[in-house]
Amino acid sequence: MKEIKDLAEIDDVVLPKVGNIRAGVYIIALVAFAILVIVFLIGFLPGILNGGKFVNFTSDIENVGVYVDDNFISGTPAQEFIESGEHEVIYKKASKIIAKKTINVSHPVFLTYIFHRYQDVHLDLNQLDDAKIDKIINFDINLIIDQSSIISFDSVTNYIPYFSHLAKDAIAFDLSTKKIENYLNLASSFITSIEMLNDAKDAYDYLGYEYGDALVKAESLINGNGENIGKTFKNIKIQTSADTLKVDDNSIIKALKVEPQSFVMGNTTYNTYPSINEAGIDVKIDNSFYLSKSPISNYLYSLFVIENPNWAKSNRDILISKGLVDFNYLEGISLSTNYPSLEPITNISYYAAEAFTSWLSKITNINVFIPSEEQWSLACFGSTNYINDTYSNSLIATTSYDNQFDLMLGGVWEFTNTPYIPLSRIVDDRDQLISFVKNNYNSDIIVKGGSLLNKSIDINSVGAMDKSACFEYMGFRIAYNK
């Protein structure tokens, strides 16, 4: 049996007091303080340093740009963290302010890092007057018009359902059924692809409307039934007489007076796009008009630029910023009045040509304008080479620039003032449609005539050009009334 030994005596452990507070108490206090610091750092400090809320910006209309304190956020619907305080919110569409409002964002502080706080801001459509509503609808249609220039979509070129946007906006504005149907029928006149067709059908179905005339014809066109369409082109004789328009003491524009006439513009073609651009239709010119016998020359354009220096090549960057020309404006062109050139002015835009006609109207006190497609086509019957299917290169070598009425096919492409509407040859009320588009929308413009680069252009050929585009084989003639 082991012997029990006595253990040495040990003094009791006594923790020191702090400020006469027992150790257990201040340890508990330290732990509590640490917990409070952690709670503060995690639960409160983020909210104090970065106070604000995630604000949801919504609207009943599509693709509205949201600006907060003049800083662009995104298109609706949008969500953005906005700092606490008072902020000005601006809604824009079609580059126009459609609504403004001031919002107050409160300053939540507890666990904002974990639990986000939200605030909803909705566009109040009551702030929109009729003028702003019209601009928004027109903007939607212009987007459809722009997208119509693309006839093939893929993973790189994505299709955007602008028809559906138009339908939703029209409903949000509580437009009448008649108005919405008119807008959709107008937009359907620009259908050039299966994607646009399906989008338009979705828009009609969403609204519960019966398909319009333009959509029905677009569906037949896109599906391709293979039938021929259009009236047959016929040669005609027209009555003409010579005229001159005095520009200044040293310059005149030789012109031809063309009398009213009915004729077939275009020819029989396939019911496919873009073949229908040239489908033959009956056209009637009700009033006589004058057309210059040659395209506007380098010299005449030089006179215009001298009196309108804002259209000088040196001002090109400003003109580009305004969307009036592109970077090719007057590229390679030397304007001079000291060494007159009768060559056609090229590398100018449709907007520049319009500015020229406005200037010429002012100095002559005569209504000068760019001819319509119908006027240009009728005048071709007075040209000696209109009957040829292709342009003869030998003819330009033997014909002076001041007699280019004989060269209406092949000198340069020439602007008309007729908007390019892909289905205009097959829809109802073509004249009314063209007039409405011309006055309200920024469509491409029809060009005629071809150039030395085009060997198969004839009187019925149709081209299209962006109004701001400049091309080295693009010029224009002027028309006028007396």
Protein backbone atom coordinates (compact mmCIF):
# COMPACT_ATOMS: atom_id res chain seq x y z
CA MET A 1 0.00 0.00 0.00
CA LYS A 2 1.42 3.28 -1.09
CA GLU A 3 2.25 5.89 1.40
CA ILE A 4 0.13 9.03 1.26
CA LYS A 5 2.31 12.06 1.10
CA ASP A 6 1.29 15.55 2.09
CA LEU A 7 1.10 18.02 -0.89
CA ALA A 8 2.75 21.39 -0.68
CA GLU A 9 0.48 24.25 0.05
CA ILE A 10 -0.24 26.59 -2.95
CA ASP A 11 -1.42 30.16 -2.65
CA ASP A 12 -4.78 31.05 -4.15
CA VAL A 13 -4.65 32.79 -7.56
CA VAL A 14 -6.12 36.24 -7.28
CA LEU A 15 -6.71 38.30 -10.46
CA PRO A 16 -5.88 41.95 -10.08
CA LYS A 17 -8.66 44.45 -9.94
CA VAL A 18 -8.92 47.26 -12.51
CA GLY A 19 -10.36 50.43 -11.14
CA ASN A 20 -11.69 48.47 -8.27
CA ILE A 21 -13.71 46.35 -10.74
CA ARG A 22 -13.57 42.64 -10.36
CA ALA A 23 -11.80 40.73 -13.13
CA GLY A 24 -14.82 38.74 -14.16
CA VAL A 25 -16.78 41.90 -14.67
CA TYR A 26 -14.24 43.68 -16.89
CA ILE A 27 -13.58 40.52 -18.91
CA ILE A 28 -17.26 40.31 -19.64
CA ALA A 29 -17.21 44.02 -20.47
CA LEU A 30 -14.24 43.54 -22.84
CA VAL A 31 -16.02 40.70 -24.64
CA ALA A 32 -19.19 42.75 -24.89
CA PHE A 33 -17.21 45.72 -26.23
CA ALA A 34 -15.52 43.53 -28.82
CA ILE A 35 -18.89 42.20 -29.88
CA LEU A 36 -20.24 45.73 -30.15
CA VAL A 37 -17.24 46.80 -32.25
CA ILE A 38 -17.74 43.85 -34.57
CA VAL A 39 -21.46 44.59 -34.86
CA PHE A 40 -20.66 48.24 -35.57
CA LEU A 41 -18.02 47.42 -38.17
CA ILE A 42 -20.23 44.90 -39.92
CA GLY A 43 -23.71 46.19 -39.26
CA PHE A 44 -23.42 49.97 -39.19
CA LEU A 45 -20.14 51.35 -40.59
CA PRO A 46 -20.77 50.33 -44.24
CA GLY A 47 -24.14 52.09 -44.14
CA ILE A 48 -22.65 55.18 -42.48
CA LEU A 49 -19.78 55.47 -44.96
CA ASN A 50 -21.83 54.56 -48.05
CA GLY A 51 -25.38 55.49 -47.25
CA GLY A 52 -28.04 55.07 -49.87
CA LYS A 53 -30.39 52.64 -51.58
CA PHE A 54 -30.65 50.57 -54.71
CA VAL A 55 -33.18 52.52 -56.77
CA ASN A 56 -35.30 50.76 -59.40
CA PHE A 57 -36.17 53.06 -62.31
CA THR A 58 -39.12 51.87 -64.37
CA SER A 59 -41.47 53.24 -67.01
CA ASP A 60 -44.42 52.04 -69.04
CA ILE A 61 -42.64 52.99 -72.28
CA GLU A 62 -39.68 51.14 -73.74
CA ASN A 63 -35.99 52.10 -73.74
CA VAL A 64 -36.18 55.32 -71.76
CA GLY A 65 -32.79 56.70 -70.76
CA VAL A 66 -32.39 57.52 -67.06
CA TYR A 67 -30.13 60.34 -65.88
CA VAL A 68 -29.46 61.06 -62.20
CA ASP A 69 -27.87 64.44 -61.50
CA ASP A 70 -26.99 64.67 -65.23
CA ASN A 71 -25.16 61.31 -65.16
CA PHE A 72 -26.50 58.63 -67.51
CA ILE A 73 -27.50 55.45 -65.65
CA SER A 74 -29.10 53.12 -68.17
CA GLY A 75 -32.23 52.49 -70.15
CA THR A 76 -35.33 51.40 -68.27
CA PRO A 77 -35.77 49.12 -66.49
CA ALA A 78 -32.65 50.05 -64.55
CA GLN A 79 -31.29 49.56 -61.04
CA GLU A 80 -28.55 51.74 -59.58
CA PHE A 81 -27.16 52.39 -56.09
CA ILE A 82 -27.92 56.03 -55.31
CA GLU A 83 -26.35 57.85 -52.38
CA SER A 84 -28.54 59.29 -49.66
CA GLY A 85 -29.93 62.72 -50.24
CA GLU A 86 -31.90 64.67 -52.81
CA HIS A 87 -31.37 63.93 -56.51
CA GLU A 88 -32.80 65.10 -59.81
CA VAL A 89 -33.96 62.31 -62.10
CA ILE A 90 -34.40 62.99 -65.83
CA TYR A 91 -36.02 60.60 -68.30
CA LYS A 92 -35.01 60.95 -71.94
CA LYS A 93 -36.08 59.29 -75.15
CA ALA A 94 -35.31 60.35 -78.71
CA SER A 95 -32.73 62.73 -77.17
CA LYS A 96 -35.60 64.70 -75.66
CA ILE A 97 -36.39 65.21 -71.99
CA ILE A 98 -39.78 63.62 -71.42
CA ALA A 99 -39.98 63.92 -67.64
CA LYS A 100 -38.17 65.31 -64.59
CA LYS A 101 -38.62 64.59 -60.92
CA THR A 102 -36.77 65.07 -57.63
CA ILE A 103 -36.30 62.05 -55.40
CA ASN A 104 -35.16 61.77 -51.78
CA VAL A 105 -33.10 58.73 -50.90
CA SER A 106 -33.04 58.00 -47.16
CA HIS A 107 -29.96 56.85 -45.22
CA PRO A 108 -30.45 53.34 -43.83
CA VAL A 109 -27.42 52.17 -41.83
CA PHE A 110 -28.09 48.73 -40.30
CA LEU A 111 -26.73 45.69 -42.17
CA THR A 112 -26.91 47.46 -45.53
CA TYR A 113 -24.01 45.34 -46.74
CA ILE A 114 -26.10 42.19 -46.21
CA PHE A 115 -29.66 43.39 -46.58
CA HIS A 116 -29.93 45.87 -49.48
CA ARG A 117 -32.58 48.58 -49.23
CA TYR A 118 -34.60 49.39 -52.35
CA GLN A 119 -36.63 52.31 -53.61
CA ASP A 120 -38.88 52.39 -56.69
CA VAL A 121 -39.09 55.37 -59.02
CA HIS A 122 -41.62 55.19 -61.86
CA LEU A 123 -41.98 57.54 -64.86
CA ASP A 124 -45.16 59.55 -64.58
CA LEU A 125 -46.70 59.64 -68.05
CA ASN A 126 -49.01 62.48 -66.99
CA GLN A 127 -46.08 64.84 -67.55
CA LEU A 128 -46.02 64.11 -71.29
CA ASP A 129 -47.86 66.41 -73.67
CA ASP A 130 -48.98 65.44 -77.18
CA ALA A 131 -45.83 66.86 -78.78
CA LYS A 132 -43.56 64.70 -76.63
CA ILE A 133 -45.70 61.64 -77.23
CA ASP A 134 -45.46 62.19 -81.01
CA LYS A 135 -41.67 62.49 -80.76
CA ILE A 136 -41.42 59.22 -78.86
CA ILE A 137 -43.61 57.34 -81.34
CA ASN A 138 -41.65 58.85 -84.24
CA PHE A 139 -38.42 57.77 -82.55
CA ASP A 140 -39.73 54.19 -82.32
CA ILE A 141 -40.60 54.21 -86.02
CA ASN A 142 -37.22 55.71 -86.96
CA LEU A 143 -35.55 52.80 -85.17
CA ILE A 144 -37.60 50.42 -87.32
CA ILE A 145 -36.61 52.37 -90.43
CA ASP A 146 -32.92 52.21 -89.50
CA GLN A 147 -33.08 48.47 -88.83
CA SER A 148 -34.77 47.83 -92.18
CA SER A 149 -31.42 48.39 -93.89
CA ILE A 150 -30.28 45.06 -92.39
CA ILE A 151 -31.77 42.06 -94.15
CA SER A 152 -29.81 39.30 -92.40
CA PHE A 153 -29.43 38.89 -88.63
CA ASP A 154 -27.18 36.52 -86.69
CA SER A 155 -25.34 36.22 -83.37
CA VAL A 156 -23.20 39.21 -84.30
CA THR A 157 -25.98 41.39 -85.69
CA ASN A 158 -28.79 40.95 -83.21
CA TYR A 159 -32.38 41.78 -84.04
CA ILE A 160 -34.12 44.20 -81.66
CA PRO A 161 -37.94 43.93 -81.48
CA TYR A 162 -38.74 47.56 -82.22
CA PHE A 163 -42.24 46.72 -83.48
CA SER A 164 -43.06 45.32 -80.05
CA HIS A 165 -41.59 48.44 -78.43
CA LEU A 166 -43.80 50.60 -80.64
CA ALA A 167 -46.91 48.62 -79.69
CA LYS A 168 -46.17 48.80 -75.95
CA ASP A 169 -45.45 52.54 -76.10
CA ALA A 170 -48.66 53.18 -78.02
CA ILE A 171 -50.66 51.31 -75.38
CA ALA A 172 -48.86 53.14 -72.55
CA PHE A 173 -49.87 56.47 -74.09
CA ASP A 174 -53.45 55.26 -74.49
CA LEU A 175 -53.48 56.12 -78.19
CA SER A 176 -56.61 55.42 -80.19
CA THR A 177 -56.90 52.14 -82.08
CA LYS A 178 -56.98 54.02 -85.37
CA LYS A 179 -53.74 55.85 -84.60
CA ILE A 180 -51.94 52.69 -83.53
CA GLU A 181 -53.08 50.85 -86.66
CA ASN A 182 -51.82 53.72 -88.85
CA TYR A 183 -48.44 53.70 -87.11
CA LEU A 184 -48.06 49.94 -87.42
CA ASN A 185 -49.09 49.98 -91.08
CA LEU A 186 -46.54 52.71 -91.76
CA ALA A 187 -43.79 50.79 -89.96
CA SER A 188 -44.75 47.57 -91.79
CA SER A 189 -43.91 49.31 -95.08
CA PHE A 190 -40.25 48.96 -94.03
CA ILE A 191 -40.25 45.19 -93.43
CA THR A 192 -37.23 43.66 -95.19
CA SER A 193 -36.52 40.46 -93.23
CA ILE A 194 -38.25 37.47 -91.65
CA GLU A 195 -37.25 38.80 -88.22
CA MET A 196 -39.02 42.11 -88.84
CA LEU A 197 -42.05 40.28 -90.18
CA ASN A 198 -42.35 38.07 -87.10
CA ASP A 199 -41.81 41.02 -84.78
CA ALA A 200 -44.56 42.99 -86.56
CA LYS A 201 -46.93 40.02 -86.30
CA ASP A 202 -46.15 39.73 -82.59
CA ALA A 203 -46.98 43.42 -82.15
CA TYR A 204 -50.35 43.01 -83.90
CA ASP A 205 -51.09 39.86 -81.89
CA TYR A 206 -50.15 41.59 -78.63
CA LEU A 207 -52.65 44.34 -79.43
CA GLY A 208 -55.27 41.92 -80.73
CA TYR A 209 -55.49 43.77 -84.06
CA GLU A 210 -56.16 42.33 -87.50
CA TYR A 211 -53.05 42.44 -89.72
CA GLY A 212 -52.77 45.61 -91.81
CA ASP A 213 -52.40 45.83 -95.59
CA ALA A 214 -48.65 46.45 -95.51
CA LEU A 215 -48.03 43.49 -93.19
CA VAL A 216 -50.09 41.13 -95.34
CA LYS A 217 -48.13 42.16 -98.43
CA ALA A 218 -44.83 41.97 -96.54
CA GLU A 219 -45.66 38.40 -95.47
CA SER A 220 -46.37 37.40 -99.07
CA LEU A 221 -43.13 39.06 -100.11
CA ILE A 222 -40.92 37.51 -97.42
CA ASN A 223 -42.42 34.04 -97.86
CA GLY A 224 -41.71 34.35 -101.59
CA ASN A 225 -44.52 33.00 -103.74
CA GLY A 226 -42.42 33.42 -106.91
CA GLU A 227 -45.03 35.34 -108.90
CA ASN A 228 -44.26 38.33 -111.08
CA ILE A 229 -45.45 41.74 -110.00
CA GLY A 230 -45.62 45.21 -111.45
CA LYS A 231 -46.72 46.77 -114.72
CA THR A 232 -44.68 46.60 -117.88
CA PHE A 233 -42.45 49.55 -118.74
CA LYS A 234 -43.36 51.42 -121.92
CA ASN A 235 -41.36 53.95 -123.89
CA ILE A 236 -43.14 57.27 -124.29
CA LYS A 237 -42.55 60.59 -125.95
CA ILE A 238 -42.62 63.73 -123.84
CA GLN A 239 -42.99 67.39 -124.64
CA THR A 240 -40.01 69.50 -123.68
CA SER A 241 -38.60 72.96 -124.28
CA ALA A 242 -35.31 74.65 -123.40
CA ASP A 243 -34.92 77.07 -120.52
CA THR A 244 -32.17 78.77 -118.53
CA LEU A 245 -31.86 79.81 -114.91
CA LYS A 246 -29.56 82.76 -114.21
CA VAL A 247 -27.33 82.27 -111.19
CA ASP A 248 -25.26 85.44 -111.50
CA ASP A 249 -23.94 87.69 -114.27
CA ASN A 250 -21.48 85.01 -115.34
CA SER A 251 -23.38 81.79 -114.76
CA ILE A 252 -26.55 80.20 -116.07
CA ILE A 253 -28.02 76.75 -115.61
CA LYS A 254 -29.33 75.17 -118.78
CA ALA A 255 -32.60 73.35 -118.19
CA LEU A 256 -35.38 71.49 -119.90
CA LYS A 257 -39.04 72.17 -119.29
CA VAL A 258 -40.95 68.89 -118.94
CA GLU A 259 -44.71 68.89 -119.50
CA PRO A 260 -47.19 66.82 -117.42
CA GLN A 261 -47.49 63.18 -118.37
CA SER A 262 -48.70 59.79 -117.15
CA PHE A 263 -46.37 56.80 -117.52
CA VAL A 264 -45.27 53.51 -115.99
CA MET A 265 -42.38 53.92 -113.57
CA GLY A 266 -40.59 50.59 -113.17
CA ASN A 267 -41.16 47.26 -114.84
CA THR A 268 -42.42 43.72 -114.31
CA THR A 269 -40.28 41.99 -111.68
CA TYR A 270 -40.27 39.21 -109.10
CA ASN A 271 -42.31 39.54 -105.92
CA THR A 272 -39.18 39.44 -103.76
CA TYR A 273 -37.11 42.01 -101.90
CA PRO A 274 -35.25 44.00 -103.18
CA SER A 275 -36.61 43.26 -106.68
CA ILE A 276 -39.88 45.04 -105.83
CA ASN A 277 -37.94 48.33 -105.62
CA GLU A 278 -38.39 48.43 -109.39
CA ALA A 279 -41.93 47.06 -109.69
CA GLY A 280 -43.82 48.99 -112.37
CA ILE A 281 -46.57 51.35 -111.15
CA ASP A 282 -48.74 53.99 -112.82
CA VAL A 283 -47.42 57.49 -112.17
CA LYS A 284 -48.95 60.82 -113.10
CA ILE A 285 -47.09 64.13 -113.10
CA ASP A 286 -49.74 66.85 -112.77
CA ASN A 287 -47.63 69.97 -113.31
CA SER A 288 -44.81 70.98 -115.59
CA PHE A 289 -41.35 71.41 -114.07
CA TYR A 290 -37.82 72.31 -115.11
CA LEU A 291 -34.80 70.06 -114.70
CA SER A 292 -31.17 71.08 -115.17
CA LYS A 293 -29.60 69.54 -118.25
CA SER A 294 -26.48 68.58 -116.31
CA PRO A 295 -25.65 67.79 -112.70
CA ILE A 296 -24.64 70.74 -110.55
CA SER A 297 -21.03 71.53 -111.32
CA ASN A 298 -18.00 71.94 -109.13
CA TYR A 299 -17.98 75.66 -110.05
CA LEU A 300 -21.60 76.28 -109.03
CA TYR A 301 -21.04 74.49 -105.74
CA SER A 302 -17.96 76.68 -105.22
CA LEU A 303 -20.16 79.78 -105.50
CA PHE A 304 -22.49 78.28 -102.90
CA VAL A 305 -19.67 77.56 -100.44
CA ILE A 306 -18.22 81.06 -100.80
CA GLU A 307 -21.51 82.54 -99.66
CA ASN A 308 -22.12 79.77 -97.12
CA PRO A 309 -18.75 79.08 -95.44
CA ASN A 310 -20.37 76.79 -92.90
CA TRP A 311 -20.47 74.24 -95.76
CA ALA A 312 -16.73 74.57 -96.47
CA LYS A 313 -14.53 71.50 -96.18
CA SER A 314 -12.69 73.19 -93.30
CA ASN A 315 -15.96 72.99 -91.33
CA ARG A 316 -16.41 69.28 -92.00
CA ASP A 317 -15.98 68.13 -88.38
CA ILE A 318 -18.81 70.41 -87.25
CA LEU A 319 -21.03 69.24 -90.12
CA ILE A 320 -20.29 65.63 -89.14
CA SER A 321 -21.20 66.33 -85.50
CA LYS A 322 -24.56 67.67 -86.70
CA GLY A 323 -25.18 64.55 -88.80
CA LEU A 324 -25.19 66.50 -92.07
CA VAL A 325 -22.24 64.83 -93.82
CA ASP A 326 -19.77 62.00 -93.26
CA PHE A 327 -15.95 61.99 -93.30
CA ASN A 328 -15.89 61.80 -97.14
CA TYR A 329 -17.43 65.27 -97.52
CA LEU A 330 -15.59 67.09 -100.36
CA GLU A 331 -12.74 64.59 -100.04
CA GLY A 332 -10.46 64.98 -103.07
CA ILE A 333 -12.50 67.98 -104.31
CA SER A 334 -10.82 71.33 -104.99
CA LEU A 335 -13.40 74.10 -105.08
CA SER A 336 -12.43 77.08 -107.18
CA THR A 337 -14.10 79.99 -108.91
CA ASN A 338 -10.85 81.14 -110.51
CA TYR A 339 -10.49 77.93 -112.49
CA PRO A 340 -14.09 76.94 -113.25
CA SER A 341 -14.78 73.22 -113.54
CA LEU A 342 -17.97 71.92 -115.14
CA GLU A 343 -17.45 68.44 -113.76
CA PRO A 344 -20.29 67.31 -111.48
CA ILE A 345 -19.75 68.09 -107.83
CA THR A 346 -19.40 64.82 -105.92
CA ASN A 347 -18.67 63.69 -102.37
CA ILE A 348 -21.50 65.81 -101.04
CA SER A 349 -24.49 64.65 -99.01
CA TYR A 350 -28.21 64.98 -99.63
CA TYR A 351 -28.33 67.58 -96.85
CA ALA A 352 -25.64 69.58 -98.65
CA ALA A 353 -27.61 69.35 -101.90
CA GLU A 354 -30.72 70.58 -100.08
CA ALA A 355 -28.74 73.52 -98.66
CA PHE A 356 -27.58 74.35 -102.18
CA THR A 357 -31.15 74.43 -103.52
CA SER A 358 -32.23 76.67 -100.62
CA TRP A 359 -29.41 79.09 -101.44
CA LEU A 360 -30.26 79.02 -105.15
CA SER A 361 -33.94 79.65 -104.38
CA LYS A 362 -32.97 82.69 -102.35
CA ILE A 363 -30.74 84.31 -104.96
CA THR A 364 -33.05 83.57 -107.92
CA ASN A 365 -36.42 84.10 -106.20
CA ILE A 366 -37.55 80.83 -107.79
CA ASN A 367 -38.61 77.60 -106.08
CA VAL A 368 -35.57 75.36 -106.59
CA PHE A 369 -35.56 71.80 -105.28
CA ILE A 370 -34.15 68.32 -105.78
CA PRO A 371 -36.43 66.41 -108.19
CA SER A 372 -38.63 63.53 -107.08
CA GLU A 373 -38.05 60.02 -108.39
CA GLU A 374 -41.08 60.45 -110.64
CA GLN A 375 -39.82 63.73 -112.07
CA TRP A 376 -36.34 62.36 -112.66
CA SER A 377 -37.76 59.26 -114.37
CA LEU A 378 -40.09 61.25 -116.63
CA ALA A 379 -37.29 63.59 -117.65
CA CYS A 380 -35.25 60.55 -118.74
CA PHE A 381 -37.60 60.15 -121.69
CA GLY A 382 -36.13 63.38 -123.04
CA SER A 383 -32.60 62.00 -122.83
CA THR A 384 -31.11 60.49 -125.97
CA ASN A 385 -29.76 57.42 -124.19
CA TYR A 386 -32.72 56.51 -121.95
CA ILE A 387 -33.70 53.67 -124.27
CA ASN A 388 -30.42 51.83 -123.70
CA ASP A 389 -30.41 49.17 -121.01
CA THR A 390 -26.80 49.92 -120.19
CA TYR A 391 -24.75 53.09 -120.24
CA SER A 392 -22.34 53.57 -123.12
CA ASN A 393 -18.85 54.59 -122.00
CA SER A 394 -18.17 55.95 -125.49
CA LEU A 395 -20.97 58.48 -125.05
CA ILE A 396 -19.43 60.20 -122.03
CA ALA A 397 -16.13 60.59 -123.87
CA THR A 398 -17.80 62.49 -126.69
CA THR A 399 -20.30 64.54 -124.68
CA SER A 400 -19.42 67.71 -122.79
CA TYR A 401 -20.37 68.14 -119.14
CA ASP A 402 -22.74 71.00 -119.99
CA ASN A 403 -24.88 68.61 -122.06
CA GLN A 404 -25.28 65.78 -119.58
CA PHE A 405 -29.00 65.57 -120.08
CA ASP A 406 -27.91 62.99 -122.61
CA LEU A 407 -26.10 61.19 -119.77
CA MET A 408 -28.89 60.65 -117.26
CA LEU A 409 -27.76 57.05 -117.11
CA GLY A 410 -24.12 56.67 -116.24
CA GLY A 411 -22.52 60.01 -115.32
CA VAL A 412 -23.02 59.94 -111.55
CA TRP A 413 -25.70 58.62 -109.25
CA GLU A 414 -28.15 61.46 -108.61
CA PHE A 415 -30.22 62.32 -105.55
CA THR A 416 -33.99 62.49 -105.69
CA ASN A 417 -36.13 63.89 -102.88
CA THR A 418 -38.19 60.69 -102.63
CA PRO A 419 -37.72 58.74 -99.38
CA TYR A 420 -36.74 55.11 -99.73
CA ILE A 421 -39.60 52.92 -98.46
CA PRO A 422 -38.90 49.23 -99.23
CA LEU A 423 -42.53 48.26 -99.86
CA SER A 424 -43.70 51.55 -101.39
CA ARG A 425 -44.32 49.99 -104.82
CA ILE A 426 -46.79 47.43 -103.46
CA VAL A 427 -48.63 49.16 -100.60
CA ASP A 428 -51.84 51.15 -100.87
CA ASP A 429 -51.80 54.99 -100.89
CA ARG A 430 -48.17 55.21 -101.99
CA ASP A 431 -48.20 58.96 -102.57
CA GLN A 432 -49.66 59.65 -99.15
CA LEU A 433 -47.16 57.30 -97.53
CA ILE A 434 -44.20 58.95 -99.25
CA SER A 435 -45.38 62.42 -98.29
CA PHE A 436 -45.85 61.41 -94.65
CA VAL A 437 -42.43 59.75 -94.40
CA LYS A 438 -40.73 62.69 -96.11
CA ASN A 439 -42.15 65.16 -93.61
CA ASN A 440 -41.77 63.11 -90.44
CA TYR A 441 -39.02 60.52 -90.64
CA ASN A 442 -35.33 60.24 -91.41
CA SER A 443 -35.39 57.52 -94.04
CA ASP A 444 -32.78 56.93 -96.72
CA ILE A 445 -33.28 58.74 -100.02
CA ILE A 446 -33.75 57.20 -103.49
CA VAL A 447 -30.93 57.75 -105.97
CA LYS A 448 -31.09 57.18 -109.71
CA GLY A 449 -28.93 56.94 -112.80
CA GLY A 450 -25.91 54.88 -111.83
CA SER A 451 -22.31 55.82 -112.57
CA LEU A 452 -19.35 54.70 -114.62
CA LEU A 453 -18.95 51.83 -112.16
CA ASN A 454 -22.43 50.46 -112.89
CA LYS A 455 -22.82 48.67 -116.22
CA SER A 456 -26.36 47.34 -115.84
CA ILE A 457 -28.22 50.43 -114.66
CA ASP A 458 -31.31 51.49 -116.60
CA ILE A 459 -34.09 54.03 -116.24
CA ASN A 460 -35.93 51.81 -113.74
CA SER A 461 -32.98 51.06 -111.44
CA VAL A 462 -33.38 52.23 -107.83
CA GLY A 463 -30.63 52.88 -105.30
CA ALA A 464 -30.82 54.13 -101.73
CA MET A 465 -28.45 56.43 -99.85
CA ASP A 466 -28.24 57.73 -96.31
CA LYS A 467 -28.89 61.48 -96.33
CA SER A 468 -25.57 62.24 -94.64
CA ALA A 469 -23.47 59.89 -96.80
CA CYS A 470 -20.99 61.31 -99.32
CA PHE A 471 -19.81 59.28 -102.29
CA GLU A 472 -17.33 60.04 -105.06
CA TYR A 473 -19.82 58.94 -107.73
CA MET A 474 -22.82 60.77 -106.28
CA GLY A 475 -24.08 64.15 -107.53
CA PHE A 476 -27.40 65.86 -108.17
CA ARG A 477 -29.47 67.93 -110.55
CA ILE A 478 -31.81 70.70 -109.55
CA ALA A 479 -35.45 71.13 -110.51
CA TYR A 480 -37.48 74.31 -110.28
CA ASN A 481 -40.89 75.82 -110.88
CA LYS A 482 -41.73 79.17 -112.44
